[in-house]
N, C-alpha and C. Protein backbone atom coordinates (compact mmCIF):
# COMPACT_ATOMS: atom_id res chain seq x y z
N LEU A 1 0.77 -15.83 9.12
CA LEU A 1 1.40 -14.60 8.92
C LEU A 1 2.87 -14.67 9.33
N ARG A 2 3.68 -13.95 8.72
CA ARG A 2 5.12 -13.92 8.97
C ARG A 2 5.42 -13.05 10.16
N LYS A 3 6.44 -13.49 10.93
CA LYS A 3 6.95 -12.71 12.02
C LYS A 3 8.40 -12.35 11.60
N LYS A 4 8.88 -11.22 11.85
CA LYS A 4 10.23 -10.86 11.50
C LYS A 4 11.21 -11.48 12.49
N VAL A 5 12.26 -12.06 11.96
CA VAL A 5 13.31 -12.63 12.77
C VAL A 5 14.64 -12.19 12.13
N GLY A 6 15.46 -11.54 12.89
CA GLY A 6 16.70 -10.93 12.40
C GLY A 6 17.76 -11.97 12.26
N CYS A 7 18.74 -11.68 11.36
CA CYS A 7 19.88 -12.56 11.17
C CYS A 7 21.06 -11.66 10.62
N LYS A 8 22.24 -12.21 10.50
CA LYS A 8 23.38 -11.44 10.05
C LYS A 8 23.13 -10.94 8.64
N ALA A 9 22.55 -11.81 7.78
CA ALA A 9 22.39 -11.43 6.38
C ALA A 9 21.43 -10.20 6.19
N CYS A 10 20.47 -10.06 7.09
CA CYS A 10 19.54 -8.88 6.96
C CYS A 10 19.90 -7.74 7.97
N ARG A 11 20.99 -7.81 8.59
CA ARG A 11 21.41 -6.85 9.63
C ARG A 11 20.33 -6.76 10.70
N ASN A 12 19.76 -7.84 11.11
CA ASN A 12 18.80 -7.98 12.26
C ASN A 12 17.55 -7.24 12.01
N THR A 13 17.18 -6.94 10.76
CA THR A 13 15.92 -6.24 10.48
C THR A 13 14.81 -7.20 10.37
N GLY A 14 15.07 -8.48 10.01
CA GLY A 14 14.04 -9.45 9.72
C GLY A 14 13.56 -9.42 8.30
N TYR A 15 14.19 -8.66 7.47
CA TYR A 15 13.83 -8.54 6.01
C TYR A 15 15.05 -8.70 5.19
N GLN A 16 15.09 -9.69 4.32
CA GLN A 16 16.13 -9.89 3.40
C GLN A 16 15.63 -9.75 2.05
N GLY A 17 16.31 -9.05 1.14
CA GLY A 17 15.78 -8.78 -0.17
C GLY A 17 14.85 -7.63 -0.09
N ARG A 18 14.18 -7.30 -1.19
CA ARG A 18 13.31 -6.16 -1.24
C ARG A 18 12.01 -6.45 -1.96
N THR A 19 10.96 -5.88 -1.49
CA THR A 19 9.68 -5.91 -2.18
C THR A 19 9.04 -4.54 -1.91
N THR A 20 8.07 -4.21 -2.62
CA THR A 20 7.43 -2.93 -2.51
C THR A 20 5.94 -3.13 -2.27
N ILE A 21 5.36 -2.19 -1.59
CA ILE A 21 3.87 -2.02 -1.63
C ILE A 21 3.63 -0.68 -2.22
N GLY A 22 2.62 -0.54 -2.97
CA GLY A 22 2.39 0.71 -3.64
C GLY A 22 0.93 0.87 -4.15
N GLU A 23 0.67 2.00 -4.70
CA GLU A 23 -0.58 2.24 -5.42
C GLU A 23 -0.25 3.14 -6.59
N LEU A 24 -1.03 2.99 -7.62
CA LEU A 24 -0.87 3.82 -8.83
C LEU A 24 -2.18 4.36 -9.17
N LEU A 25 -2.23 5.70 -9.26
CA LEU A 25 -3.46 6.45 -9.59
C LEU A 25 -3.33 6.77 -11.07
N VAL A 26 -4.17 6.21 -11.93
CA VAL A 26 -4.19 6.49 -13.33
C VAL A 26 -5.30 7.57 -13.53
N MET A 27 -4.97 8.64 -14.16
CA MET A 27 -5.95 9.72 -14.35
C MET A 27 -6.92 9.33 -15.39
N SER A 28 -8.16 8.98 -14.91
CA SER A 28 -9.24 8.70 -15.83
C SER A 28 -10.12 9.95 -16.00
N ASP A 29 -11.06 9.92 -16.88
CA ASP A 29 -11.97 11.02 -17.08
C ASP A 29 -12.79 11.24 -15.74
N ALA A 30 -13.15 10.17 -15.02
CA ALA A 30 -13.91 10.37 -13.81
C ALA A 30 -13.08 11.06 -12.77
N ILE A 31 -11.88 10.66 -12.64
CA ILE A 31 -10.98 11.31 -11.62
C ILE A 31 -10.63 12.73 -12.05
N ARG A 32 -10.37 12.95 -13.30
CA ARG A 32 -10.15 14.28 -13.84
C ARG A 32 -11.27 15.21 -13.42
N ARG A 33 -12.52 14.77 -13.64
CA ARG A 33 -13.70 15.58 -13.31
C ARG A 33 -13.67 15.94 -11.78
N LYS A 34 -13.37 14.94 -10.94
CA LYS A 34 -13.36 15.12 -9.52
C LYS A 34 -12.28 16.21 -9.20
N VAL A 35 -11.12 16.08 -9.80
CA VAL A 35 -9.99 17.03 -9.48
C VAL A 35 -10.45 18.42 -9.92
N LEU A 36 -11.00 18.57 -11.21
CA LEU A 36 -11.32 19.88 -11.70
C LEU A 36 -12.52 20.50 -10.90
N ASP A 37 -13.32 19.61 -10.32
CA ASP A 37 -14.49 20.16 -9.49
C ASP A 37 -14.02 20.37 -8.09
N LYS A 38 -12.73 20.15 -7.76
CA LYS A 38 -12.14 20.41 -6.47
C LYS A 38 -12.82 19.57 -5.43
N SER A 39 -13.15 18.29 -5.81
CA SER A 39 -13.74 17.35 -4.82
C SER A 39 -12.70 16.97 -3.78
N GLY A 40 -13.13 16.48 -2.67
CA GLY A 40 -12.32 16.15 -1.65
C GLY A 40 -11.48 14.94 -1.90
N GLU A 41 -10.44 14.67 -1.13
CA GLU A 41 -9.57 13.53 -1.19
C GLU A 41 -10.36 12.21 -1.19
N GLY A 42 -11.38 12.16 -0.30
CA GLY A 42 -12.15 10.95 -0.22
C GLY A 42 -12.91 10.65 -1.50
N ALA A 43 -13.42 11.59 -2.15
CA ALA A 43 -14.21 11.44 -3.36
C ALA A 43 -13.25 10.95 -4.44
N ILE A 44 -12.12 11.58 -4.51
CA ILE A 44 -11.16 11.25 -5.58
C ILE A 44 -10.66 9.75 -5.32
N GLU A 45 -10.36 9.42 -4.06
CA GLU A 45 -9.90 8.08 -3.75
C GLU A 45 -11.00 7.10 -4.07
N ALA A 46 -12.27 7.39 -3.76
CA ALA A 46 -13.36 6.48 -4.07
C ALA A 46 -13.46 6.25 -5.55
N ALA A 47 -13.37 7.28 -6.37
CA ALA A 47 -13.38 7.12 -7.84
C ALA A 47 -12.29 6.31 -8.32
N ALA A 48 -11.09 6.47 -7.70
CA ALA A 48 -9.94 5.69 -8.19
C ALA A 48 -10.12 4.21 -7.86
N ILE A 49 -10.60 3.93 -6.64
CA ILE A 49 -10.85 2.52 -6.28
C ILE A 49 -11.94 1.95 -7.13
N GLU A 50 -12.96 2.66 -7.43
CA GLU A 50 -14.02 2.20 -8.36
C GLU A 50 -13.45 1.86 -9.72
N GLY A 51 -12.43 2.68 -10.09
CA GLY A 51 -11.82 2.44 -11.41
C GLY A 51 -10.72 1.37 -11.43
N GLY A 52 -10.44 0.79 -10.23
CA GLY A 52 -9.57 -0.36 -10.17
C GLY A 52 -8.31 -0.20 -9.44
N MET A 53 -8.10 0.99 -8.88
CA MET A 53 -6.85 1.24 -8.11
C MET A 53 -6.88 0.39 -6.83
N VAL A 54 -5.75 -0.20 -6.48
CA VAL A 54 -5.58 -0.92 -5.22
C VAL A 54 -4.82 0.00 -4.26
N PRO A 55 -5.50 0.36 -3.16
CA PRO A 55 -4.75 1.25 -2.20
C PRO A 55 -3.48 0.63 -1.63
N MET A 56 -2.55 1.41 -1.26
CA MET A 56 -1.30 0.90 -0.73
C MET A 56 -1.47 -0.08 0.45
N PHE A 57 -2.32 0.28 1.37
CA PHE A 57 -2.60 -0.57 2.57
C PHE A 57 -3.10 -1.89 2.12
N ASP A 58 -4.05 -1.95 1.13
CA ASP A 58 -4.58 -3.24 0.65
C ASP A 58 -3.51 -4.07 0.01
N ASP A 59 -2.59 -3.43 -0.80
CA ASP A 59 -1.49 -4.13 -1.47
C ASP A 59 -0.55 -4.71 -0.41
N GLY A 60 -0.24 -3.93 0.64
CA GLY A 60 0.54 -4.42 1.70
C GLY A 60 -0.06 -5.51 2.48
N LEU A 61 -1.30 -5.45 2.76
CA LEU A 61 -2.06 -6.50 3.44
C LEU A 61 -2.03 -7.83 2.62
N ALA A 62 -2.24 -7.72 1.35
CA ALA A 62 -2.15 -8.95 0.49
C ALA A 62 -0.77 -9.55 0.62
N LYS A 63 0.25 -8.70 0.57
CA LYS A 63 1.63 -9.21 0.66
C LYS A 63 1.91 -9.80 2.01
N ALA A 64 1.38 -9.21 3.09
CA ALA A 64 1.59 -9.78 4.39
C ALA A 64 0.88 -11.13 4.55
N LEU A 65 -0.32 -11.22 4.04
CA LEU A 65 -1.05 -12.52 4.02
C LEU A 65 -0.35 -13.57 3.14
N GLY A 66 0.42 -13.11 2.14
CA GLY A 66 1.18 -14.05 1.28
C GLY A 66 2.53 -14.33 1.83
N GLY A 67 2.88 -13.84 3.04
CA GLY A 67 4.16 -14.12 3.61
C GLY A 67 5.34 -13.33 3.17
N GLU A 68 5.09 -12.31 2.37
CA GLU A 68 6.22 -11.49 1.88
C GLU A 68 6.69 -10.39 2.79
N THR A 69 5.83 -10.02 3.78
CA THR A 69 6.19 -9.02 4.73
C THR A 69 5.41 -9.24 5.98
N THR A 70 5.40 -8.35 6.95
CA THR A 70 4.63 -8.48 8.14
C THR A 70 3.56 -7.38 8.21
N ILE A 71 2.53 -7.66 9.03
CA ILE A 71 1.55 -6.60 9.29
C ILE A 71 2.17 -5.38 9.88
N GLU A 72 3.09 -5.57 10.82
CA GLU A 72 3.76 -4.47 11.50
C GLU A 72 4.47 -3.54 10.50
N GLU A 73 5.13 -4.18 9.52
CA GLU A 73 5.88 -3.39 8.51
C GLU A 73 4.86 -2.59 7.59
N VAL A 74 3.77 -3.26 7.27
CA VAL A 74 2.72 -2.57 6.44
C VAL A 74 2.23 -1.38 7.23
N LEU A 75 1.88 -1.57 8.47
CA LEU A 75 1.34 -0.44 9.33
C LEU A 75 2.40 0.64 9.44
N ARG A 76 3.68 0.24 9.63
CA ARG A 76 4.79 1.25 9.76
C ARG A 76 4.85 2.09 8.53
N VAL A 77 4.87 1.53 7.32
CA VAL A 77 5.07 2.30 6.14
C VAL A 77 3.88 3.00 5.62
N THR A 78 2.65 2.57 6.05
CA THR A 78 1.46 3.29 5.65
C THR A 78 1.02 4.27 6.74
N ARG A 79 1.82 4.30 7.80
CA ARG A 79 1.59 5.27 8.93
C ARG A 79 0.25 5.08 9.57
N LEU A 80 -0.16 3.86 9.65
CA LEU A 80 -1.45 3.57 10.35
C LEU A 80 -1.23 3.04 11.79
N ALA A 81 0.04 2.89 12.15
CA ALA A 81 0.34 2.39 13.53
C ALA A 81 0.92 3.53 14.40
């Protein structure tokens, strides 16, 4: 796993260049039914994941394991820390 190390080029942030972590919810029929039925956030998220959505935390974790970012940064931006 990567540890951040600052330098002049990155203004001592430990990150040079940019990458993103994200998730994209595509409105499928299953998710539409959950929304119209006023299902809770957890039920909608479960349907989205079942339909192939990758949650933002999981995308960040994969990028941290791939050396593109750090666990600390993933936790910071997903507000889990």
